[in-house]
Structures are given as structure tokens and as C-alpha cells.
Amino acid sequence: MKNCYFQHDSKESEVFTCFDGENLVCSRCCTEACPVETPDWFLDCSQAGHPTWPAIASNSSVPHKLVCLESYWTNQLFIEKTVKPFLDGLNPLLRNSLAIAHRHIESMAGLKFYTQYPEGLLWKDPLSWDTPLFYLAFHGRPGTIGTVLDAVGPNLLCEAFEGYGGYKTIIYFGACSVFKGQKGRKFADDFLQSSKVNAIVGYTEDVDWMDSMIIDMLFIQRFYNDPDPWANLKDIFYSIVEDYKPAKKFGYIMFHRDAD
């Protein structure tokens, strides 16, 4: 039985009465389907001050901050492609506003300027500390991310993020094939142990740019909208694989660091 207004199979415990006072809706559709299919309803609900996901308390369990480091995608001056508008467009779909720090990175030196302990800006800037998700949007190949100017291999990546996991953190690789094959898997293991972050997410295959945007934005939205994303991290990840079939084709994958 589809007991959600948006024809989504939901358990009885997962639905609640919509702002209209008549229809039932599930939490996911409230934040994902309603803004797209019935934007006027979503706007009325938001303007009335009603939470658009009652399961989420007013105080989120994670800081609503995201750091995005991104390469330029082309050397054509009049063609600009960037993930920034996609990230900015998430805010109407989030329970709490997301503060986004975005910088373009074109070399290993540029990456270290932000990440390397102890002088990197992410270590020195008090506002950036405790950011739960770092989104790296680059070209990629197994164990390596690339920019227009440079390639950053597995050893240098591990060095750049060494010891960063002083609190709960995800490093999200929005890049092709970083975890492909034996080289990619070894990089994942080495990176987790070196960085001490909780998890890393990415792809084992080359990805279509727009498909990867949909996958990445779904994960980010569901992560920040979840009342306890650390406890539900696997459920969040697998919900993307289930709901958006290209994720499986592109080898969408998550690695966890074993407890010390």
C-alpha cells in the first residue's frame, strides 16, 4: 500500500499529516518530492514556519558546514562548469541552512595550503574546524585526483590529509575511478588509516558529470537532513544506490575506518 501522497511505499511509523491537514507524507518526500512536484505547497509550508521534516530536531546533530575544494574542469576560458550552483541549490531542501566554503584548487601546493597540518588553513581557521563533510570535486583515476595543472597521487593525498580526523568527518571524492581496482582499494585503506576520518565515499568507475552531480547532491542532502547521520550513515549511502540506479553502474562505494 502506498500510504504517502507522493506514491512512495512507507511504513506507518514513517508518515505524518502534511501541512494541508489532510494528506499523509513521508519524511523523504517532504523534502525531496514536495519542492519539485508541488513547489507552492512547499513554499507555503516553509513561510508559515513549519518544519519540513518533523523527525529532525531544531538542533542538528552535525554542524551544517561543508567545505568544497574543486578543480577547474576545462581550459576553455568561456566555458565554466562548477559544482557550486548545485551546492547552493540544496539549501531550500535542507532543514537548516548549510554554510558552504568553496575554493578552486589547481596544484598539490594549493591543496596543502588548505589541508596540511599544522599550517593549512583548515587547521588554523576556527570556523572551518568541525566541518563534518569535505567534498573534493576533481578529475580522477585510481588513487589519484587531477587538476588542469597537476595530478595528486595516493601518497601525496594521504600526506595532505594526514591526521585530519580529530572529530567525525567524511571525505567525499567527487571524481572518476579513484577507488578502481587494487590500486584504488589500497589507496582507500591507506587514506583511512592516515587521515583517521570516519569514512570516505567515491566511485570505482568513470562517471558522467551530471549523473555524479545527482548522486553527490542526494548524499549531501540526506546526510545533513538526517537527525543522526553518523548512526544512519550506511542507510543514507545505500538509499542512494537503491533510489538512483546509475550509482551502481558507476561503482558508487563507501569505506569505513576500522575502530582503533
Protein backbone atom coordinates (compact mmCIF):
# COMPACT_ATOMS: atom_id res chain seq x y z
CA MET A 1 0.00 0.00 0.00
CA LYS A 2 1.35 3.41 -0.99
CA ASN A 3 0.37 5.47 2.04
CA CYS A 4 2.41 8.56 1.11
CA TYR A 5 0.76 11.28 -1.00
CA PHE A 6 3.67 11.08 -3.48
CA GLN A 7 3.08 7.35 -4.08
CA HIS A 8 6.09 6.26 -2.03
CA ASP A 9 5.87 2.98 -0.12
CA SER A 10 6.27 3.92 3.53
CA LYS A 11 5.82 2.28 6.88
CA GLU A 12 3.04 3.65 9.06
CA SER A 13 5.65 4.97 11.50
CA GLU A 14 7.36 6.97 8.71
CA VAL A 15 4.41 9.14 7.63
CA PHE A 16 2.77 12.17 9.20
CA THR A 17 0.00 14.59 8.31
CA CYS A 18 1.03 17.21 5.78
CA PHE A 19 0.70 20.96 6.41
CA ASP A 20 -2.55 20.83 4.40
CA GLY A 21 -4.11 18.89 7.29
CA GLU A 22 -5.42 16.13 5.02
CA ASN A 23 -2.75 14.13 3.22
CA LEU A 24 -0.09 11.84 4.62
CA VAL A 25 3.53 12.28 3.57
CA CYS A 26 6.82 10.58 4.45
CA SER A 27 9.90 12.47 5.59
CA ARG A 28 11.90 11.91 2.42
CA CYS A 29 9.14 13.06 0.08
CA CYS A 30 8.52 16.08 2.28
CA THR A 31 12.00 17.40 1.48
CA GLU A 32 12.67 15.84 -1.95
CA ALA A 33 9.39 15.39 -3.83
CA CYS A 34 7.31 18.27 -2.47
CA PRO A 35 9.68 21.10 -3.57
CA VAL A 36 9.78 19.67 -7.11
CA GLU A 37 6.24 18.36 -7.68
CA THR A 38 4.24 20.79 -5.52
CA PRO A 39 6.50 23.84 -5.01
CA ASP A 40 3.63 26.13 -3.99
CA TRP A 41 2.77 23.80 -1.08
CA PHE A 42 6.39 23.64 -0.02
CA LEU A 43 6.71 27.44 -0.11
CA ASP A 44 3.51 27.94 1.91
CA CYS A 45 4.68 25.42 4.49
CA SER A 46 8.13 26.99 4.82
CA GLN A 47 6.79 30.56 5.00
CA ALA A 48 4.39 29.51 7.74
CA GLY A 49 7.38 28.44 9.81
CA HIS A 50 6.55 24.75 9.81
CA PRO A 51 9.47 22.32 9.81
CA THR A 52 9.58 20.44 6.53
CA TRP A 53 10.80 17.28 8.25
CA PRO A 54 9.31 16.84 11.75
CA ALA A 55 11.67 13.96 12.56
CA ILE A 56 14.55 16.43 12.74
CA ALA A 57 15.03 18.40 15.92
CA SER A 58 15.76 22.11 15.70
CA ASN A 59 19.33 21.45 16.80
CA SER A 60 21.03 19.23 14.26
CA SER A 61 23.40 16.52 15.42
CA VAL A 62 26.04 17.74 12.93
CA PRO A 63 27.30 21.27 12.21
CA HIS A 64 25.72 22.50 8.98
CA LYS A 65 29.01 23.28 7.27
CA LEU A 66 30.55 21.92 4.09
CA VAL A 67 33.96 22.57 2.55
CA CYS A 68 34.25 22.01 -1.21
CA LEU A 69 37.64 22.00 -2.94
CA GLU A 70 37.22 21.86 -6.71
CA SER A 71 39.35 21.78 -9.84
CA TYR A 72 38.55 23.72 -12.97
CA TRP A 73 37.07 21.22 -15.42
CA THR A 74 38.25 22.71 -18.72
CA ASN A 75 40.92 25.01 -20.11
CA GLN A 76 38.36 26.84 -22.27
CA LEU A 77 38.04 30.37 -20.90
CA PHE A 78 34.43 30.98 -21.92
CA ILE A 79 33.11 27.67 -20.64
CA GLU A 80 32.74 27.42 -16.88
CA LYS A 81 31.49 24.27 -15.20
CA THR A 82 31.37 24.10 -11.41
CA VAL A 83 29.58 22.23 -8.64
CA LYS A 84 28.98 25.44 -6.66
CA PRO A 85 25.46 26.23 -8.03
CA PHE A 86 24.36 22.66 -7.22
CA LEU A 87 25.54 23.05 -3.63
CA ASP A 88 23.87 26.43 -3.27
CA GLY A 89 20.65 24.96 -4.67
CA LEU A 90 20.47 22.44 -1.83
CA ASN A 91 19.64 25.00 0.83
CA PRO A 92 15.88 25.20 0.11
CA LEU A 93 15.77 21.41 0.61
CA LEU A 94 17.60 21.39 3.94
CA ARG A 95 16.09 21.67 7.40
CA ASN A 96 18.89 24.02 8.48
CA SER A 97 20.85 26.39 6.25
CA LEU A 98 24.18 24.97 5.07
CA ALA A 99 27.28 27.17 5.23
CA ILE A 100 29.40 26.38 2.16
CA ALA A 101 33.10 27.19 1.77
CA HIS A 102 34.19 26.72 -1.85
CA ARG A 103 37.66 27.12 -3.34
CA HIS A 104 39.26 26.16 -6.64
CA ILE A 105 42.46 24.12 -6.34
CA GLU A 106 44.93 23.70 -9.22
CA SER A 107 48.00 22.04 -7.68
CA MET A 108 49.33 19.93 -4.83
CA ALA A 109 50.69 23.10 -3.25
CA GLY A 110 47.20 24.58 -3.40
CA LEU A 111 45.69 21.51 -1.75
CA LYS A 112 48.27 21.54 1.05
CA PHE A 113 47.61 25.25 1.59
CA TYR A 114 44.20 24.23 2.92
CA THR A 115 44.71 20.76 4.36
CA GLN A 116 48.23 20.10 5.61
CA TYR A 117 48.91 20.16 9.35
CA PRO A 118 49.77 22.44 11.10
CA GLU A 119 49.80 25.47 8.77
CA GLY A 120 46.91 24.56 6.47
CA LEU A 121 44.01 27.00 6.53
CA LEU A 122 41.54 24.28 7.54
CA TRP A 123 43.58 23.71 10.69
CA LYS A 124 44.02 27.41 11.53
CA ASP A 125 40.59 28.80 10.67
CA PRO A 126 38.33 28.25 13.69
CA LEU A 127 35.17 28.47 11.57
CA SER A 128 36.21 25.53 9.42
CA TRP A 129 37.05 23.23 12.31
CA ASP A 130 34.35 20.59 12.99
CA THR A 131 33.11 20.57 9.36
CA PRO A 132 31.62 17.06 9.00
CA LEU A 133 31.92 16.66 5.21
CA PHE A 134 34.66 17.67 2.78
CA TYR A 135 33.70 17.42 -0.88
CA LEU A 136 36.60 17.05 -3.33
CA ALA A 137 35.40 17.68 -6.90
CA PHE A 138 38.23 16.78 -9.28
CA HIS A 139 39.22 14.75 -12.28
CA GLY A 140 40.27 11.27 -11.16
CA ARG A 141 41.90 7.94 -11.83
CA PRO A 142 42.79 5.08 -9.46
CA GLY A 143 44.30 6.50 -6.28
CA THR A 144 44.75 9.93 -7.88
CA ILE A 145 42.91 13.21 -8.30
CA GLY A 146 43.78 15.61 -11.09
CA THR A 147 43.50 19.28 -11.95
CA VAL A 148 44.16 21.25 -15.12
CA LEU A 149 47.75 21.78 -13.93
CA ASP A 150 48.66 18.84 -11.74
CA ALA A 151 48.00 15.28 -10.64
CA VAL A 152 47.93 14.40 -6.94
CA GLY A 153 48.73 10.74 -6.35
CA PRO A 154 47.94 8.44 -3.42
CA ASN A 155 50.98 9.21 -1.30
CA LEU A 156 50.54 12.96 -1.64
CA LEU A 157 46.81 12.72 -0.93
CA CYS A 158 47.47 10.75 2.24
CA GLU A 159 50.09 13.31 3.22
CA ALA A 160 47.77 16.25 2.55
CA PHE A 161 45.03 14.89 4.85
CA GLU A 162 47.21 13.11 7.41
CA GLY A 163 45.70 13.19 10.89
CA TYR A 164 42.67 15.26 9.89
CA GLY A 165 40.10 13.09 11.64
CA GLY A 166 40.20 14.78 15.03
CA TYR A 167 36.40 14.61 15.05
CA LYS A 168 33.75 12.79 12.97
CA THR A 169 34.46 13.50 9.33
CA ILE A 170 33.73 12.23 5.80
CA ILE A 171 35.96 12.92 2.81
CA TYR A 172 33.82 12.68 -0.32
CA PHE A 173 35.68 12.14 -3.61
CA GLY A 174 33.54 13.51 -6.43
CA ALA A 175 35.96 12.17 -9.04
CA CYS A 176 36.16 9.36 -11.61
CA SER A 177 37.61 5.94 -10.73
CA VAL A 178 39.54 6.98 -7.61
CA PHE A 179 38.74 3.64 -5.92
CA LYS A 180 39.05 1.42 -9.00
CA GLY A 181 40.86 -1.89 -8.81
CA GLN A 182 43.66 -2.96 -6.50
CA LYS A 183 45.35 0.44 -6.63
CA GLY A 184 42.12 2.23 -5.72
CA ARG A 185 41.35 -0.15 -2.85
CA LYS A 186 44.88 0.17 -1.44
CA PHE A 187 44.54 3.94 -1.60
CA ALA A 188 41.24 3.76 0.28
CA ASP A 189 42.79 1.65 3.06
CA ASP A 190 45.92 3.85 3.29
CA PHE A 191 43.91 7.07 3.22
CA LEU A 192 41.56 5.96 6.00
CA GLN A 193 44.43 4.98 8.26
CA SER A 194 46.47 8.07 7.50
CA SER A 195 43.69 10.64 7.75
CA LYS A 196 41.79 8.98 10.63
CA VAL A 197 38.50 10.21 9.14
CA ASN A 198 35.39 8.10 9.72
CA ALA A 199 34.55 7.31 6.11
CA ILE A 200 35.37 8.09 2.51
CA VAL A 201 32.93 7.98 -0.41
CA GLY A 202 33.51 7.90 -4.15
CA TYR A 203 33.50 5.85 -7.34
CA THR A 204 35.28 2.84 -8.83
CA GLU A 205 34.38 3.76 -12.44
CA ASP A 206 34.37 6.80 -14.71
CA VAL A 207 31.22 8.82 -14.11
CA ASP A 208 29.01 11.07 -16.18
CA TRP A 209 29.28 14.62 -14.83
CA MET A 210 25.54 15.23 -14.46
CA ASP A 211 24.78 11.78 -13.07
CA SER A 212 27.54 12.22 -10.49
CA MET A 213 26.07 15.60 -9.52
CA ILE A 214 22.71 13.96 -8.81
CA ILE A 215 24.33 11.19 -6.76
CA ASP A 216 26.56 13.57 -4.82
CA MET A 217 23.81 16.08 -4.09
CA LEU A 218 21.44 13.32 -2.94
CA PHE A 219 24.03 12.08 -0.46
CA ILE A 220 24.81 15.56 0.85
CA GLN A 221 21.14 16.45 1.22
CA ARG A 222 20.24 13.23 3.01
CA PHE A 223 23.31 13.41 5.23
CA TYR A 224 22.51 16.90 6.52
CA ASN A 225 18.77 16.27 6.78
CA ASP A 226 19.15 13.10 8.82
CA PRO A 227 18.55 13.52 12.58
CA ASP A 228 21.56 11.30 13.36
CA PRO A 229 23.67 10.90 10.20
CA TRP A 230 26.57 9.14 11.90
CA ALA A 231 24.33 6.40 13.26
CA ASN A 232 22.48 6.14 9.94
CA LEU A 233 25.44 6.61 7.58
CA LYS A 234 25.15 3.20 5.90
CA ASP A 235 21.40 3.62 5.44
CA ILE A 236 21.95 7.03 3.87
CA PHE A 237 24.55 5.66 1.47
CA TYR A 238 22.54 2.59 0.43
CA SER A 239 19.40 4.68 -0.05
CA ILE A 240 21.22 6.47 -2.88
CA VAL A 241 22.18 3.17 -4.52
CA GLU A 242 18.58 1.98 -4.24
CA ASP A 243 16.89 5.18 -5.40
CA TYR A 244 19.22 6.20 -8.25
CA LYS A 245 20.23 3.21 -10.36
CA PRO A 246 23.22 4.80 -12.20
CA ALA A 247 25.05 4.88 -8.85
CA LYS A 248 25.58 1.12 -9.06
CA LYS A 249 26.83 1.35 -12.66
CA PHE A 250 29.45 3.91 -11.67
CA GLY A 251 30.72 1.81 -8.77
CA TYR A 252 29.48 4.14 -6.03
CA ILE A 253 31.22 2.99 -2.85
CA MET A 254 31.87 3.90 0.77
CA PHE A 255 34.76 2.79 3.02
CA HIS A 256 34.76 2.95 6.83
CA ARG A 257 37.81 3.17 9.02
CA ASP A 258 38.08 0.31 11.47
CA ALA A 259 37.96 1.37 15.10
CA ASP A 260 41.40 1.82 16.62
